[in-house]
Amino acid sequence: MRLLLVEDDDHVAAALSAVLARHGLTVVHARSGEEALQALLPDDAEPFAVVLLDLGLPDQDGFEVCGRIRRLTATPVIMVTARSDVRSRIHGLNLGADDYVVKPYDTGELLARIHAVSRRTGAAGVPGEAAVEEGGPGEPLRLGPLTVELPTRQVVVDGAVVPLTRKEFDLLALLAQRPGVVFRREQIISEVWRTSWEGTGRTLEVHIASLRAKLRMPALIETVRGVGYRLVVPAAGAAGTRPSAS
């Protein structure tokens, strides 16, 4: 996922870019409002999924930049600023910002907000993603013999409901909404467990193993060594044989 970071402090930008890169994000750094607007002009590059916009810019006020960005593109904007007063937040949202994060912030929370706004807007499309058979809002995700119903949190394989725990469903839903895309371990932990604690890694492995066993699809979730996991859309009839009800 490609992200535009608008921040005039090079030290802050370098530190944040390093963190975001570790979580699988490609960061382009703009040091001013005008530089950000130029970066958002249409070209042959992959479009940005999110803009992280600092309000204290050297050439123009960040609120003005947000308004100009919104007239230029529908790319979601997260304002990142030390201004914590309610009036500033309301003003930013009214200008078209999708979210507002106050400094200092927790990195895990920022990552969760980045992925949340990209999912809501559908802006995080990645070349090579597998197509998902999906209807309108609230319609189930259909991936071969697997159906994931997000509103009811129900999972069905070959017509049979598969009971999952809350975290197992959250994990499967995250991967199923972008099949074929590799999710870094840190990203999954941030999204599903809302933490950046490294000790959660073992818990993630246990949940992956449990999903493979319960769904009887060992190849459904592929391990990308040294990176993370991705969901591979199974072919029809790929699910293992289930015992018939007696």
Protein backbone atom coordinates (compact mmCIF):
# COMPACT_ATOMS: atom_id res chain seq x y z
CA MET A 1 0.00 0.00 0.00
CA ARG A 2 1.37 3.40 -1.05
CA LEU A 3 1.10 6.32 1.39
CA LEU A 4 1.85 10.04 1.07
CA LEU A 5 3.39 11.56 4.20
CA VAL A 6 3.16 15.36 4.31
CA GLU A 7 5.58 16.48 7.03
CA ASP A 8 8.08 19.36 7.02
CA ASP A 9 10.29 17.92 9.79
CA ASP A 10 12.75 15.54 8.11
CA HIS A 11 13.68 13.80 11.38
CA VAL A 12 10.02 13.08 12.23
CA ALA A 13 9.33 11.98 8.66
CA ALA A 14 12.35 9.64 8.58
CA ALA A 15 11.43 7.95 11.85
CA LEU A 16 7.77 7.52 10.91
CA SER A 17 8.62 6.34 7.39
CA ALA A 18 10.88 3.64 8.83
CA VAL A 19 8.08 2.39 11.10
CA LEU A 20 5.51 2.39 8.31
CA ALA A 21 7.90 0.61 5.96
CA ARG A 22 8.36 -2.16 8.52
CA HIS A 23 4.60 -2.67 8.35
CA GLY A 24 4.56 -3.07 4.59
CA LEU A 25 3.74 0.50 3.53
CA THR A 26 5.55 2.33 0.73
CA VAL A 27 5.99 5.93 1.90
CA VAL A 28 6.47 9.00 -0.32
CA HIS A 29 7.53 12.08 1.67
CA ALA A 30 6.36 15.60 0.79
CA ARG A 31 7.80 18.53 2.79
CA SER A 32 5.22 21.17 1.89
CA GLY A 33 1.62 21.55 0.85
CA GLU A 34 2.52 22.37 -2.74
CA GLU A 35 4.84 19.37 -2.96
CA ALA A 36 2.01 17.16 -1.66
CA LEU A 37 -0.44 18.48 -4.22
CA GLN A 38 2.05 17.86 -7.03
CA ALA A 39 2.58 14.29 -5.80
CA LEU A 40 -1.18 13.67 -5.96
CA LEU A 41 -1.50 14.67 -9.61
CA PRO A 42 -2.45 11.69 -11.82
CA ASP A 43 0.49 9.75 -13.26
CA ASP A 44 1.40 6.18 -14.09
CA ALA A 45 2.38 5.29 -10.50
CA GLU A 46 0.18 3.28 -8.15
CA PRO A 47 -2.31 5.69 -6.56
CA PHE A 48 -1.90 6.62 -2.93
CA ALA A 49 -4.11 4.72 -0.48
CA VAL A 50 -3.88 7.35 2.27
CA VAL A 51 -2.45 10.83 2.88
CA LEU A 52 -0.98 11.54 6.33
CA LEU A 53 -1.19 15.32 6.58
CA ASP A 54 0.60 17.41 9.21
CA LEU A 55 -1.10 20.77 9.75
CA GLY A 56 2.03 22.82 10.51
CA LEU A 57 3.47 23.21 7.01
CA PRO A 58 5.94 25.92 5.92
CA ASP A 59 4.13 27.21 2.82
CA GLN A 60 0.43 27.08 3.72
CA ASP A 61 -1.91 25.99 6.48
CA GLY A 62 -2.64 22.27 6.58
CA PHE A 63 -6.38 22.92 6.64
CA GLU A 64 -6.07 24.75 3.31
CA VAL A 65 -4.04 21.88 1.90
CA CYS A 66 -6.71 19.40 3.01
CA GLY A 67 -9.38 21.38 1.18
CA ARG A 68 -7.28 21.49 -1.98
CA ILE A 69 -6.54 17.77 -1.75
CA ARG A 70 -10.23 17.00 -1.46
CA ARG A 71 -10.96 19.04 -4.61
CA LEU A 72 -8.20 17.16 -6.42
CA THR A 73 -8.76 13.55 -5.35
CA ALA A 74 -10.90 11.24 -3.22
CA THR A 75 -7.81 9.74 -1.54
CA PRO A 76 -8.52 9.50 2.21
CA VAL A 77 -6.74 12.04 4.41
CA ILE A 78 -5.68 11.53 8.02
CA MET A 79 -4.70 14.78 9.74
CA VAL A 80 -1.79 14.32 12.14
CA THR A 81 -1.29 17.28 14.44
CA ALA A 82 -0.66 18.55 17.95
CA ARG A 83 -3.87 20.62 17.80
CA SER A 84 -6.17 18.70 20.12
CA ASP A 85 -9.04 21.17 20.54
CA VAL A 86 -12.47 20.05 19.41
CA ARG A 87 -12.93 23.05 17.09
CA SER A 88 -9.83 22.09 15.07
CA ARG A 89 -11.00 18.50 14.78
CA ILE A 90 -14.44 19.55 13.58
CA HIS A 91 -12.94 22.01 11.11
CA GLY A 92 -10.63 19.35 9.68
CA LEU A 93 -13.43 16.80 9.27
CA ASN A 94 -15.69 19.39 7.69
CA LEU A 95 -12.96 20.12 5.13
CA GLY A 96 -13.02 16.49 4.06
CA ALA A 97 -10.48 14.77 6.32
CA ASP A 98 -11.36 11.13 6.97
CA ASP A 99 -9.69 10.96 10.39
CA TYR A 100 -7.80 13.14 12.86
CA VAL A 101 -4.90 11.90 15.01
CA VAL A 102 -3.43 14.01 17.81
CA LYS A 103 0.30 13.95 18.62
CA PRO A 104 1.79 12.20 20.47
CA TYR A 105 0.08 9.06 19.20
CA ASP A 106 0.56 5.32 19.55
CA THR A 107 2.04 3.82 16.38
CA GLY A 108 -0.27 0.80 16.58
CA GLU A 109 -3.30 3.07 16.69
CA LEU A 110 -2.04 5.10 13.73
CA LEU A 111 -1.53 1.93 11.68
CA ALA A 112 -5.02 0.72 12.58
CA ARG A 113 -6.50 4.05 11.48
CA ILE A 114 -4.55 3.96 8.19
CA HIS A 115 -5.89 0.52 7.33
CA ALA A 116 -9.39 1.40 8.54
CA VAL A 117 -9.77 4.43 6.25
CA SER A 118 -8.25 2.59 3.29
CA ARG A 119 -10.75 -0.26 3.74
CA ARG A 120 -13.71 2.10 4.08
CA THR A 121 -12.90 3.96 0.89
CA GLY A 122 -11.69 1.00 -1.14
CA ALA A 123 -8.61 3.05 -1.95
CA ALA A 124 -6.04 0.44 -1.09
CA GLY A 125 -6.35 -1.64 -4.24
CA VAL A 126 -3.19 -3.52 -5.07
CA PRO A 127 -2.30 -4.79 -8.54
CA GLY A 128 -2.60 -8.54 -8.73
CA GLU A 129 -5.31 -8.90 -6.08
CA ALA A 130 -7.66 -11.77 -6.75
CA ALA A 131 -11.23 -10.88 -7.46
CA VAL A 132 -13.83 -11.54 -4.80
CA GLU A 133 -17.43 -12.24 -5.71
CA GLU A 134 -19.11 -9.52 -3.71
CA GLY A 135 -22.41 -7.71 -4.02
CA GLY A 136 -23.40 -4.41 -2.45
CA PRO A 137 -22.63 -3.25 1.09
CA GLY A 138 -23.29 -5.97 3.63
CA GLU A 139 -23.22 -8.75 1.03
CA PRO A 140 -21.10 -11.83 1.86
CA LEU A 141 -17.63 -12.44 0.48
CA ARG A 142 -17.61 -15.58 -1.67
CA LEU A 143 -14.27 -17.25 -2.26
CA GLY A 144 -14.76 -20.62 -3.92
CA PRO A 145 -16.47 -22.93 -1.39
CA LEU A 146 -15.87 -20.38 1.39
CA THR A 147 -18.41 -17.67 2.27
CA VAL A 148 -17.66 -14.98 4.85
CA GLU A 149 -20.66 -12.98 6.03
CA LEU A 150 -19.31 -9.82 7.63
CA PRO A 151 -22.55 -8.39 9.11
CA THR A 152 -23.52 -11.67 10.84
CA ARG A 153 -19.92 -12.81 11.44
CA GLN A 154 -20.78 -16.20 10.01
CA VAL A 155 -18.49 -18.45 7.98
CA VAL A 156 -19.83 -21.16 5.69
CA VAL A 157 -17.83 -23.82 3.83
CA ASP A 158 -19.65 -25.94 1.23
CA GLY A 159 -22.98 -25.04 2.83
CA ALA A 160 -21.93 -25.93 6.40
CA VAL A 161 -21.53 -23.25 9.08
CA VAL A 162 -18.10 -23.29 10.73
CA PRO A 163 -18.03 -21.90 14.30
CA LEU A 164 -15.10 -19.54 14.85
CA THR A 165 -13.91 -17.55 17.84
CA ARG A 166 -14.07 -13.75 17.68
CA LYS A 167 -10.38 -13.36 16.86
CA GLU A 168 -10.41 -16.22 14.35
CA PHE A 169 -13.23 -14.49 12.47
CA ASP A 170 -11.52 -11.08 12.62
CA LEU A 171 -8.33 -12.63 11.24
CA LEU A 172 -10.12 -14.47 8.43
CA ALA A 173 -12.21 -11.41 7.52
CA LEU A 174 -9.09 -9.24 7.29
CA LEU A 175 -7.38 -11.63 4.86
CA ALA A 176 -10.56 -12.45 2.92
CA GLN A 177 -11.31 -8.83 2.06
CA ARG A 178 -8.04 -8.61 0.08
CA PRO A 179 -7.26 -12.13 -1.20
CA GLY A 180 -3.84 -12.57 -2.74
CA VAL A 181 -2.39 -9.60 -0.85
CA VAL A 182 0.41 -10.33 1.61
CA PHE A 183 -0.30 -8.96 5.08
CA ARG A 184 2.77 -8.44 7.23
CA ARG A 185 2.67 -10.09 10.66
CA GLU A 186 2.94 -6.69 12.36
CA GLN A 187 0.04 -5.37 10.29
CA ILE A 188 -2.21 -8.32 11.19
CA ILE A 189 -1.39 -8.01 14.88
CA SER A 190 -2.12 -4.28 14.75
CA GLU A 191 -5.45 -4.80 12.96
CA VAL A 192 -6.78 -7.83 14.82
CA TRP A 193 -5.25 -7.52 18.29
CA ARG A 194 -4.91 -3.70 18.32
CA THR A 195 -1.39 -3.90 19.70
CA SER A 196 2.20 -3.78 18.48
CA TRP A 197 3.50 -6.14 21.18
CA GLU A 198 5.88 -8.63 19.57
CA GLY A 199 4.84 -11.40 21.95
CA THR A 200 1.52 -11.61 20.10
CA GLY A 201 3.31 -13.30 17.19
CA ARG A 202 2.93 -16.78 18.72
CA THR A 203 -0.78 -16.12 19.26
CA LEU A 204 -1.10 -15.24 15.57
CA GLU A 205 0.51 -18.53 14.53
CA VAL A 206 -1.88 -20.48 16.77
CA HIS A 207 -4.91 -18.71 15.26
CA ILE A 208 -3.68 -19.35 11.70
CA ALA A 209 -3.26 -23.06 12.48
CA SER A 210 -6.70 -23.18 14.08
CA LEU A 211 -8.35 -21.55 11.04
CA ARG A 212 -6.70 -23.99 8.64
CA ALA A 213 -7.91 -26.92 10.75
CA LYS A 214 -11.47 -25.69 11.36
CA LEU A 215 -12.05 -24.76 7.71
CA ARG A 216 -10.31 -27.95 6.54
CA MET A 217 -8.39 -25.94 3.98
CA PRO A 218 -4.67 -26.16 4.80
CA ALA A 219 -3.75 -24.19 1.67
CA LEU A 220 -6.27 -21.38 2.26
CA ILE A 221 -3.87 -19.21 4.24
CA GLU A 222 -0.39 -19.21 2.78
CA THR A 223 2.67 -18.39 4.86
CA VAL A 224 5.00 -15.95 3.14
CA ARG A 225 8.26 -16.71 4.89
CA GLY A 226 9.81 -13.79 6.70
CA VAL A 227 6.89 -11.50 5.84
CA GLY A 228 3.43 -12.67 6.86
CA TYR A 229 0.36 -14.36 5.40
CA ARG A 230 -2.06 -14.12 2.50
CA LEU A 231 -5.35 -15.78 1.62
CA VAL A 232 -5.36 -17.91 -1.53
CA VAL A 233 -8.81 -18.23 -3.12
CA PRO A 234 -9.59 -21.96 -3.16
CA ALA A 235 -11.03 -23.71 -6.16
CA ALA A 236 -14.54 -25.11 -5.92
CA GLY A 237 -14.49 -28.37 -4.00
CA ALA A 238 -11.15 -27.55 -2.40
CA ALA A 239 -12.49 -27.99 1.12
CA GLY A 240 -11.75 -31.22 2.87
CA THR A 241 -14.43 -33.85 3.26
CA ARG A 242 -16.70 -33.19 6.21
CA PRO A 243 -18.42 -35.93 8.11
CA SER A 244 -22.10 -36.12 7.33
CA ALA A 245 -24.60 -35.31 10.05
CA SER A 246 -25.95 -38.45 11.68
